[in-house]
N, C-alpha and C. Protein backbone atom coordinates (compact mmCIF):
# COMPACT_ATOMS: atom_id res chain seq x y z
N UNK A 1 0.67 -1.07 0.26
CA UNK A 1 -0.39 0.18 0.07
C UNK A 1 0.62 1.41 -0.06
N UNK A 2 0.58 2.01 -0.67
CA UNK A 2 1.97 3.39 -1.18
C UNK A 2 0.62 4.17 -0.65
N UNK A 3 1.11 4.91 0.53
CA UNK A 3 0.34 6.31 1.34
C UNK A 3 0.39 7.41 0.61
N UNK A 4 -0.45 8.56 0.05
CA UNK A 4 0.06 10.07 -0.34
C UNK A 4 -0.10 10.81 0.18
N UNK A 5 1.28 11.91 0.91
CA UNK A 5 0.43 13.22 0.92
C UNK A 5 -0.02 13.92 0.44
N UNK A 6 -0.92 15.23 0.78
CA UNK A 6 -1.39 16.11 -0.71
C UNK A 6 -0.36 17.18 -0.72
N UNK A 7 -0.36 17.76 -1.71
CA UNK A 7 0.50 18.85 -1.70
C UNK A 7 -0.19 19.89 -1.49
N UNK A 8 1.05 20.34 -0.77
CA UNK A 8 0.69 21.68 0.27
C UNK A 8 0.45 23.03 -1.45
N UNK A 9 -0.18 23.86 -1.09
CA UNK A 9 -0.08 25.24 -2.11
C UNK A 9 1.24 25.80 -2.07
N UNK A 10 1.52 25.67 -2.99
CA UNK A 10 2.72 26.79 -2.76
C UNK A 10 2.64 28.31 -2.07
N UNK A 11 1.46 28.78 -2.31
CA UNK A 11 1.70 30.03 -2.12
C UNK A 11 0.68 29.99 -0.53
N UNK A 12 -0.21 29.31 -0.50
CA UNK A 12 -0.88 29.36 0.74
C UNK A 12 -2.21 29.38 -0.45
N UNK A 13 -3.57 29.76 0.92
CA UNK A 13 -5.01 29.90 -0.02
C UNK A 13 -5.03 31.27 -0.49
N UNK A 14 -6.24 31.42 -1.07
CA UNK A 14 -5.95 32.45 -1.80
C UNK A 14 -6.79 33.51 -0.64
N UNK A 15 -6.71 34.43 -1.12
CA UNK A 15 -7.69 35.14 -0.62
C UNK A 15 -8.74 35.25 -0.95
N UNK A 16 -9.86 36.48 -0.53
CA UNK A 16 -10.55 36.45 -0.86
C UNK A 16 -11.17 37.48 -2.37
N UNK A 17 -10.40 38.47 -2.16
CA UNK A 17 -9.87 39.20 -3.58
C UNK A 17 -9.86 38.74 -4.95
N UNK A 18 -8.82 37.75 -5.13
CA UNK A 18 -8.00 37.26 -5.19
C UNK A 18 -8.64 35.90 -6.78
N UNK A 19 -9.68 35.54 -5.34
CA UNK A 19 -10.62 34.70 -5.81
C UNK A 19 -11.65 35.07 -6.74
N UNK A 20 -12.03 35.77 -6.33
CA UNK A 20 -12.77 36.88 -7.08
C UNK A 20 -12.46 37.87 -8.45
N UNK A 21 -11.57 37.79 -8.32
CA UNK A 21 -10.68 38.61 -9.57
C UNK A 21 -10.42 37.40 -10.54
N UNK A 22 -10.67 35.79 -10.24
CA UNK A 22 -10.02 34.92 -11.34
C UNK A 22 -10.90 34.61 -11.11
N UNK A 23 -12.50 34.76 -10.69
CA UNK A 23 -13.29 33.88 -11.00
C UNK A 23 -14.36 34.90 -12.26
N UNK A 24 -14.11 36.65 -11.92
CA UNK A 24 -14.72 37.06 -13.06
C UNK A 24 -13.80 36.81 -14.06
N UNK A 25 -12.50 36.95 -14.25
CA UNK A 25 -11.58 37.04 -15.34
C UNK A 25 -11.81 35.48 -16.27
N UNK A 26 -12.34 34.78 -15.09
CA UNK A 26 -12.59 33.21 -16.16
C UNK A 26 -13.90 33.57 -16.41
N UNK A 27 -14.71 34.06 -16.02
CA UNK A 27 -16.19 33.89 -16.92
C UNK A 27 -16.10 35.12 -17.96
N UNK A 28 -15.38 36.62 -17.84
CA UNK A 28 -15.36 37.10 -18.91
C UNK A 28 -15.04 36.17 -20.12
N UNK A 29 -13.66 35.75 -20.06
CA UNK A 29 -13.23 34.92 -20.99
C UNK A 29 -14.15 33.63 -21.57
N UNK A 30 -14.82 33.03 -21.04
CA UNK A 30 -15.58 32.02 -21.59
C UNK A 30 -16.94 32.43 -22.13
N UNK A 31 -17.27 33.62 -21.27
CA UNK A 31 -18.62 34.14 -22.26
C UNK A 31 -17.95 34.68 -23.46
N UNK A 32 -16.76 35.43 -23.53
CA UNK A 32 -16.30 35.81 -24.64
C UNK A 32 -16.43 35.25 -25.90
N UNK A 33 -15.78 33.58 -25.53
CA UNK A 33 -15.23 32.46 -25.48
C UNK A 33 -17.03 31.83 -26.62
N UNK A 34 -17.57 31.53 -25.58
CA UNK A 34 -18.44 30.32 -26.03
C UNK A 34 -19.65 30.95 -25.64
N UNK A 35 -19.90 32.33 -24.52
CA UNK A 35 -21.28 32.93 -24.58
C UNK A 35 -21.88 31.81 -23.58
N UNK A 36 -20.59 30.97 -22.56
CA UNK A 36 -21.34 30.51 -21.50
C UNK A 36 -20.37 29.73 -20.87
N UNK A 37 -20.53 29.09 -19.75
CA UNK A 37 -19.12 28.43 -19.26
C UNK A 37 -18.34 27.52 -19.36
N UNK A 38 -17.89 27.38 -19.20
CA UNK A 38 -16.87 25.49 -19.92
C UNK A 38 -16.66 24.56 -18.98
N UNK A 39 -17.88 23.74 -20.48
CA UNK A 39 -17.87 22.18 -19.53
C UNK A 39 -16.52 21.43 -19.93
N UNK A 40 -16.19 20.47 -18.84
CA UNK A 40 -14.84 19.56 -19.13
C UNK A 40 -15.43 18.05 -19.57
N UNK A 41 -14.96 17.32 -19.91
CA UNK A 41 -14.94 16.07 -19.75
C UNK A 41 -13.62 15.21 -19.86
N UNK A 42 -13.60 14.34 -18.58
CA UNK A 42 -12.30 13.97 -18.15
C UNK A 42 -12.20 12.10 -19.54
N UNK A 43 -11.43 12.49 -19.11
CA UNK A 43 -10.71 10.71 -20.44
C UNK A 43 -9.78 10.60 -19.63
N UNK A 44 -9.75 9.29 -19.06
CA UNK A 44 -8.51 8.55 -18.79
C UNK A 44 -7.90 7.37 -19.84
N UNK A 45 -6.79 7.61 -19.96
CA UNK A 45 -6.33 6.26 -20.43
C UNK A 45 -5.45 5.83 -20.67
N UNK A 46 -4.87 5.05 -19.45
CA UNK A 46 -4.50 4.54 -18.84
C UNK A 46 -4.33 5.14 -17.50
N UNK A 47 -4.46 6.15 -16.58
CA UNK A 47 -3.47 6.93 -15.45
C UNK A 47 -3.68 5.36 -14.48
N UNK A 48 -2.80 6.47 -13.61
CA UNK A 48 -2.39 5.51 -12.28
C UNK A 48 -3.38 5.95 -11.09
N UNK A 49 -3.62 6.92 -11.66
CA UNK A 49 -5.30 7.72 -10.62
C UNK A 49 -4.98 8.44 -9.92
N UNK A 50 -3.10 9.22 -9.65
CA UNK A 50 -2.61 10.03 -8.76
C UNK A 50 -2.85 11.22 -9.26
N UNK A 51 -3.57 11.84 -10.84
CA UNK A 51 -4.21 12.70 -11.56
C UNK A 51 -5.63 13.07 -11.22
N UNK A 52 -6.27 11.76 -11.43
CA UNK A 52 -7.81 11.80 -10.75
C UNK A 52 -8.13 12.44 -9.47
N UNK A 53 -7.44 11.75 -8.60
CA UNK A 53 -7.48 12.06 -6.59
C UNK A 53 -7.14 14.05 -7.36
N UNK A 54 -6.41 14.58 -7.63
CA UNK A 54 -6.29 16.14 -7.90
C UNK A 54 -7.31 16.42 -8.61
N UNK A 55 -7.72 15.85 -10.00
CA UNK A 55 -9.08 16.37 -10.63
C UNK A 55 -10.39 16.85 -9.70
N UNK A 56 -10.50 15.63 -9.14
CA UNK A 56 -11.78 15.39 -7.73
C UNK A 56 -11.48 16.46 -6.73
N UNK A 57 -10.33 16.83 -6.90
CA UNK A 57 -9.87 17.66 -5.41
C UNK A 57 -10.66 19.03 -5.92
N UNK A 58 -10.64 19.30 -7.60
CA UNK A 58 -11.02 20.27 -7.82
C UNK A 58 -12.34 20.58 -7.39
N UNK A 59 -12.74 19.64 -7.31
CA UNK A 59 -14.95 19.80 -6.87
C UNK A 59 -15.34 20.25 -5.56
N UNK A 60 -13.80 19.90 -4.18
CA UNK A 60 -13.84 20.18 -2.76
C UNK A 60 -14.58 20.95 -2.76
N UNK A 61 -14.77 21.70 -1.44
CA UNK A 61 -14.77 23.69 -0.84
C UNK A 61 -13.38 24.30 -1.11
N UNK A 62 -12.76 23.71 -0.87
CA UNK A 62 -11.25 24.22 -0.80
C UNK A 62 -11.29 25.21 -3.15
N UNK A 63 -11.26 24.32 -3.72
CA UNK A 63 -11.56 25.18 -5.16
C UNK A 63 -12.58 25.40 -5.39
N UNK A 64 -13.44 24.19 -5.35
CA UNK A 64 -15.14 24.52 -5.82
C UNK A 64 -15.10 25.07 -7.13
N UNK A 65 -14.93 24.38 -7.76
CA UNK A 65 -14.58 24.67 -9.73
C UNK A 65 -15.71 25.37 -10.04
N UNK A 66 -17.20 25.25 -10.05
CA UNK A 66 -17.97 25.83 -10.43
C UNK A 66 -17.83 26.84 -9.96
N UNK A 67 -17.72 27.53 -9.21
CA UNK A 67 -17.62 29.49 -8.68
C UNK A 67 -16.81 30.11 -10.18
N UNK A 68 -16.43 29.57 -10.41
CA UNK A 68 -15.18 29.88 -11.55
C UNK A 68 -15.89 29.35 -13.59
N UNK A 69 -17.30 29.05 -12.98
CA UNK A 69 -17.87 28.98 -14.43
C UNK A 69 -17.60 27.44 -14.80
N UNK A 70 -16.83 26.18 -14.67
CA UNK A 70 -16.08 25.85 -14.90
C UNK A 70 -16.93 24.20 -14.12
N UNK A 71 -17.03 22.92 -14.99
CA UNK A 71 -18.02 22.15 -14.83
C UNK A 71 -17.32 20.51 -15.73
N UNK A 72 -17.17 19.91 -14.87
CA UNK A 72 -17.79 18.17 -15.86
C UNK A 72 -18.49 18.02 -16.38
N UNK A 73 -18.46 17.64 -17.43
CA UNK A 73 -19.76 16.90 -17.85
C UNK A 73 -19.78 15.07 -18.22
N UNK A 74 -20.71 14.45 -18.29
CA UNK A 74 -20.56 12.96 -18.31
C UNK A 74 -20.56 12.82 -19.60
N UNK A 75 -20.71 13.30 -20.89
CA UNK A 75 -20.40 13.03 -22.36
C UNK A 75 -19.63 14.17 -23.02
N UNK A 76 -19.06 13.31 -24.16
CA UNK A 76 -18.14 14.64 -24.75
C UNK A 76 -18.71 15.21 -25.61
N UNK A 77 -20.40 14.72 -25.81
CA UNK A 77 -21.39 15.68 -27.01
C UNK A 77 -21.48 16.57 -25.67
N UNK A 78 -21.46 17.13 -24.67
CA UNK A 78 -21.70 18.21 -24.12
C UNK A 78 -20.32 18.76 -23.99
N UNK A 79 -19.39 18.85 -24.09
CA UNK A 79 -18.05 19.17 -23.63
C UNK A 79 -17.08 19.65 -24.14
N UNK A 80 -16.35 20.92 -23.90
CA UNK A 80 -15.97 22.20 -24.80
C UNK A 80 -14.48 21.68 -25.23
N UNK A 81 -14.38 21.16 -23.51
CA UNK A 81 -12.85 20.65 -22.96
C UNK A 81 -12.62 18.75 -22.84
N UNK A 82 -11.67 18.64 -23.59
CA UNK A 82 -11.79 17.05 -23.20
C UNK A 82 -10.18 17.19 -22.16
N UNK A 83 -10.49 16.88 -21.03
CA UNK A 83 -8.79 16.64 -20.14
C UNK A 83 -9.01 15.25 -20.05
N UNK A 84 -7.89 15.18 -20.73
CA UNK A 84 -7.08 13.73 -20.44
C UNK A 84 -5.92 13.33 -19.95
N UNK A 85 -5.75 12.28 -18.91
CA UNK A 85 -5.37 11.96 -17.52
C UNK A 85 -4.58 10.17 -18.53
N UNK A 86 -3.27 10.04 -17.95
CA UNK A 86 -2.34 8.47 -18.29
C UNK A 86 -1.74 8.73 -19.28
N UNK A 87 -1.29 7.54 -19.83
CA UNK A 87 -0.19 7.73 -21.15
C UNK A 87 -0.90 7.02 -21.92
N UNK A 88 -0.89 7.32 -23.46
CA UNK A 88 -1.64 7.01 -24.11
C UNK A 88 -1.62 5.91 -24.51
N UNK A 89 -2.35 4.68 -23.79
CA UNK A 89 -1.79 2.68 -24.16
C UNK A 89 -3.07 2.34 -25.66
N UNK A 90 -2.35 1.65 -26.07
CA UNK A 90 -2.88 0.70 -27.18
C UNK A 90 -4.39 0.25 -27.14
N UNK A 91 -4.86 0.57 -26.00
CA UNK A 91 -6.51 -0.21 -25.69
C UNK A 91 -7.35 0.74 -25.80
N UNK A 92 -7.01 2.06 -25.02
CA UNK A 92 -7.74 3.44 -25.06
C UNK A 92 -7.17 4.21 -26.31
N UNK A 93 -6.58 4.31 -26.78
CA UNK A 93 -6.43 5.22 -27.61
C UNK A 93 -8.00 5.15 -29.11
N UNK A 94 -8.63 4.73 -29.23
CA UNK A 94 -9.77 4.56 -30.19
C UNK A 94 -10.57 5.18 -29.34
N UNK A 95 -11.20 5.40 -27.82
CA UNK A 95 -11.96 5.54 -26.83
C UNK A 95 -11.54 7.48 -26.72
N UNK A 96 -10.37 7.38 -26.87
CA UNK A 96 -10.12 9.15 -26.95
C UNK A 96 -10.19 9.57 -28.32
N UNK A 97 -10.20 8.72 -29.54
CA UNK A 97 -10.32 9.23 -30.74
C UNK A 97 -12.15 9.57 -30.97
N UNK A 98 -12.34 8.44 -29.80
CA UNK A 98 -13.89 8.81 -30.81
C UNK A 98 -14.78 10.22 -29.43
N UNK A 99 -13.94 9.99 -28.61
CA UNK A 99 -14.71 11.37 -27.77
C UNK A 99 -14.03 12.67 -28.29
N UNK A 100 -12.80 12.99 -29.16
CA UNK A 100 -12.71 13.65 -29.89
C UNK A 100 -13.34 14.27 -30.86
N UNK A 101 -14.16 13.24 -31.87
CA UNK A 101 -14.92 12.85 -32.72
C UNK A 101 -16.37 13.33 -32.38
N UNK A 102 -16.19 12.80 -30.86
CA UNK A 102 -17.83 13.74 -30.65
C UNK A 102 -17.81 15.00 -29.66
N UNK A 103 -16.83 15.44 -29.94
CA UNK A 103 -17.04 17.07 -29.25
C UNK A 103 -17.29 17.73 -29.99
N UNK A 104 -18.02 18.69 -29.58
CA UNK A 104 -18.44 19.80 -31.01
C UNK A 104 -17.04 20.45 -31.15
N UNK A 105 -17.38 21.51 -31.62
CA UNK A 105 -16.43 22.49 -32.22
C UNK A 105 -16.42 23.80 -31.47
N UNK A 106 -16.37 24.67 -30.74
CA UNK A 106 -14.71 24.78 -30.63
C UNK A 106 -14.70 23.88 -29.37
N UNK A 107 -13.53 23.52 -29.67
CA UNK A 107 -13.64 21.98 -28.31
C UNK A 107 -11.87 21.89 -28.22
N UNK A 108 -11.27 21.89 -27.26
CA UNK A 108 -9.93 21.86 -26.68
C UNK A 108 -9.53 20.51 -26.13
N UNK A 109 -8.20 20.23 -26.35
CA UNK A 109 -8.00 19.04 -25.34
C UNK A 109 -6.48 19.35 -24.91
N UNK A 110 -6.73 19.12 -23.40
CA UNK A 110 -5.70 19.67 -22.05
C UNK A 110 -5.05 18.38 -21.74
N UNK A 111 -3.76 18.00 -21.53
CA UNK A 111 -3.03 17.08 -21.60
C UNK A 111 -2.70 17.23 -19.88
N UNK A 112 -3.31 16.56 -19.18
CA UNK A 112 -3.01 16.99 -17.48
C UNK A 112 -1.71 15.39 -16.71
N UNK A 113 -0.96 15.80 -16.39
CA UNK A 113 0.15 15.02 -16.07
C UNK A 113 1.09 15.11 -16.66
N UNK A 114 2.60 14.43 -16.42
CA UNK A 114 3.47 13.87 -17.44
C UNK A 114 3.11 12.82 -18.48
N UNK A 115 2.60 11.69 -17.74
CA UNK A 115 2.03 10.40 -18.61
C UNK A 115 1.27 11.13 -20.00
N UNK A 116 0.25 11.61 -19.06
CA UNK A 116 -0.35 12.25 -20.71
C UNK A 116 0.31 12.99 -21.56
N UNK A 117 1.40 14.20 -20.95
CA UNK A 117 2.46 14.85 -21.63
C UNK A 117 3.11 14.03 -22.78
N UNK A 118 3.55 12.83 -22.08
CA UNK A 118 5.04 12.17 -23.10
C UNK A 118 5.14 10.39 -22.55
N UNK A 119 3.88 10.27 -21.93
CA UNK A 119 4.10 8.88 -21.26
C UNK A 119 4.79 8.29 -19.78
N UNK A 120 5.09 10.04 -19.08
CA UNK A 120 5.50 9.61 -18.35
C UNK A 120 6.59 8.43 -17.62
N UNK A 121 6.28 8.00 -16.47
CA UNK A 121 6.92 7.02 -15.79
C UNK A 121 6.88 5.84 -16.76
N UNK A 122 5.41 5.47 -17.17
CA UNK A 122 5.22 4.97 -18.37
C UNK A 122 5.78 4.65 -19.70
N UNK A 123 6.69 5.61 -19.87
CA UNK A 123 6.74 5.55 -21.41
C UNK A 123 7.90 4.23 -21.94
N UNK A 124 8.28 3.72 -22.54
CA UNK A 124 8.68 2.66 -23.44
C UNK A 124 8.24 1.14 -22.95
N UNK A 125 6.81 0.94 -22.20
CA UNK A 125 5.95 -0.04 -22.10
C UNK A 125 5.54 -0.47 -23.16
N UNK A 126 5.24 -1.73 -23.27
CA UNK A 126 4.46 -2.10 -24.62
C UNK A 126 3.30 -2.29 -25.00
N UNK A 127 3.11 -1.64 -24.07
CA UNK A 127 0.94 -1.34 -23.93
C UNK A 127 1.29 0.33 -23.56
N UNK A 128 2.10 0.99 -23.76
CA UNK A 128 2.09 2.58 -24.14
C UNK A 128 2.24 3.29 -25.04
N UNK A 129 1.34 4.19 -26.39
CA UNK A 129 2.09 4.68 -27.64
C UNK A 129 2.89 6.23 -27.10
N UNK A 130 2.59 6.60 -25.63
CA UNK A 130 3.20 7.84 -25.51
C UNK A 130 2.39 8.95 -24.94
N UNK A 131 2.45 9.93 -25.81
CA UNK A 131 1.61 11.41 -24.95
C UNK A 131 -0.04 11.20 -25.78
N UNK A 132 -1.00 12.11 -25.35
CA UNK A 132 -1.89 12.36 -25.72
C UNK A 132 -2.12 12.99 -27.38
N UNK A 133 -0.93 13.69 -27.50
CA UNK A 133 -0.28 14.49 -29.14
C UNK A 133 -0.50 13.24 -29.99
N UNK A 134 -0.07 11.85 -29.88
CA UNK A 134 -0.08 10.94 -30.73
C UNK A 134 -1.70 10.45 -31.69
N UNK A 135 -2.62 10.90 -30.61
CA UNK A 135 -4.09 10.50 -31.32
C UNK A 135 -4.62 11.53 -31.33
N UNK A 136 -4.56 12.69 -30.81
CA UNK A 136 -5.59 13.85 -30.85
C UNK A 136 -4.69 15.20 -30.67
N UNK A 137 -5.33 16.40 -31.83
CA UNK A 137 -4.18 17.71 -31.16
C UNK A 137 -4.78 18.37 -29.69
N UNK A 138 -3.09 18.39 -29.01
CA UNK A 138 -2.99 18.37 -28.00
C UNK A 138 -2.73 20.69 -27.46
N UNK A 139 -4.00 21.24 -27.58
CA UNK A 139 -3.69 22.79 -26.65
C UNK A 139 -3.20 23.26 -25.65
N UNK A 140 -2.50 22.21 -24.36
CA UNK A 140 -2.16 22.61 -23.61
C UNK A 140 -1.90 21.16 -22.74
N UNK A 141 -0.66 21.74 -22.14
CA UNK A 141 -0.49 20.69 -21.59
C UNK A 141 0.44 20.93 -19.46
N UNK A 142 -0.44 20.39 -19.12
CA UNK A 142 -0.37 20.44 -17.71
C UNK A 142 0.57 19.92 -17.35
N UNK A 143 2.20 19.80 -16.67
CA UNK A 143 3.04 18.83 -16.50
C UNK A 143 2.97 18.40 -14.70
N UNK A 144 3.41 17.49 -14.29
CA UNK A 144 3.48 17.50 -12.85
C UNK A 144 2.85 15.65 -12.81
N UNK A 145 3.34 15.32 -11.73
CA UNK A 145 3.57 13.73 -11.48
C UNK A 145 2.69 13.99 -9.79
N UNK A 146 1.19 13.95 -9.69
CA UNK A 146 0.59 14.30 -10.63
C UNK A 146 0.50 15.65 -10.23
N UNK A 147 0.26 16.70 -11.60
CA UNK A 147 -0.51 18.34 -10.82
C UNK A 147 -0.79 18.81 -9.62
N UNK A 148 -1.39 19.57 -9.21
CA UNK A 148 -1.70 20.11 -7.52
C UNK A 148 -2.99 20.74 -8.62
N UNK A 149 -3.76 20.90 -7.82
CA UNK A 149 -4.92 21.43 -8.38
C UNK A 149 -5.10 22.65 -8.80
N UNK A 150 -3.90 23.49 -7.94
CA UNK A 150 -4.10 24.61 -7.99
C UNK A 150 -3.43 25.09 -9.37
N UNK A 151 -2.25 24.15 -9.36
CA UNK A 151 -1.72 24.36 -10.81
C UNK A 151 -2.88 23.78 -12.23
N UNK A 152 -4.11 22.88 -12.50
CA UNK A 152 -4.50 22.98 -13.16
C UNK A 152 -5.70 23.53 -13.63
N UNK A 153 -6.27 24.55 -12.23
CA UNK A 153 -7.08 25.95 -12.29
C UNK A 153 -6.12 26.81 -13.48
N UNK A 154 -4.99 27.14 -13.00
CA UNK A 154 -4.40 28.37 -13.32
C UNK A 154 -4.38 27.61 -15.06
N UNK A 155 -4.07 26.34 -15.46
CA UNK A 155 -3.93 26.24 -16.60
C UNK A 155 -5.17 25.82 -17.46
N UNK A 156 -6.09 25.89 -16.63
CA UNK A 156 -7.73 26.18 -17.22
C UNK A 156 -8.21 27.39 -17.66
N UNK A 157 -7.89 27.90 -16.61
CA UNK A 157 -7.96 29.79 -17.28
C UNK A 157 -6.90 30.28 -18.04
N UNK A 158 -5.86 30.46 -18.24
CA UNK A 158 -4.35 30.16 -19.39
C UNK A 158 -5.32 29.57 -20.78
N UNK A 159 -6.14 29.14 -20.65
CA UNK A 159 -6.70 28.60 -22.04
C UNK A 159 -7.43 28.83 -22.62
N UNK A 160 -8.27 29.45 -21.45
CA UNK A 160 -9.79 30.41 -21.55
C UNK A 160 -9.01 31.54 -22.05
N UNK A 161 -8.17 32.45 -21.71
CA UNK A 161 -8.14 33.64 -21.86
C UNK A 161 -7.39 33.86 -22.71
N UNK A 162 -6.65 32.63 -23.08
CA UNK A 162 -5.86 32.61 -24.70
C UNK A 162 -6.60 32.40 -25.76
N UNK A 163 -7.86 31.51 -25.62
CA UNK A 163 -8.56 31.89 -26.62
C UNK A 163 -9.69 32.70 -26.82
N UNK A 164 -9.84 33.58 -26.33
CA UNK A 164 -11.22 34.40 -26.07
C UNK A 164 -11.22 35.68 -26.78
N UNK A 165 -11.93 35.77 -27.66
CA UNK A 165 -11.86 36.83 -29.09
C UNK A 165 -12.55 38.23 -28.43
């Protein structure tokens, strides 16, 4: 059994003014690009579940993803972003490509964690093809093993602001 210690936030919890400012910027960027909030579909392509723990933390009371207008959805047909975790494995490449095809335009792909970026610690395995970019175009990579929730949230904010018209 492996026990994980949670990642401490490098700068500590954000003050209410910073949080309000971030929420306003995210909402403005989402409204400018999509006319609504951002819908995220998580796709696991063979992860060890370390990144999934950090993604689930985004919904807890500390990070509260929905206050920023971001939410997880159950179908790629309702998504704006495919959030991919884990190395691209041979048996899940087709599933990722099908999720990509089912996601309506405009859409983005975010590779979360070192494994999704380039295969991570599983690189070189007979079952692993490599990173997400081998199957679908990647718009943003968020490195780390696993990346802390604050880094994931900052990456999503940067993606929205960069693509706001």
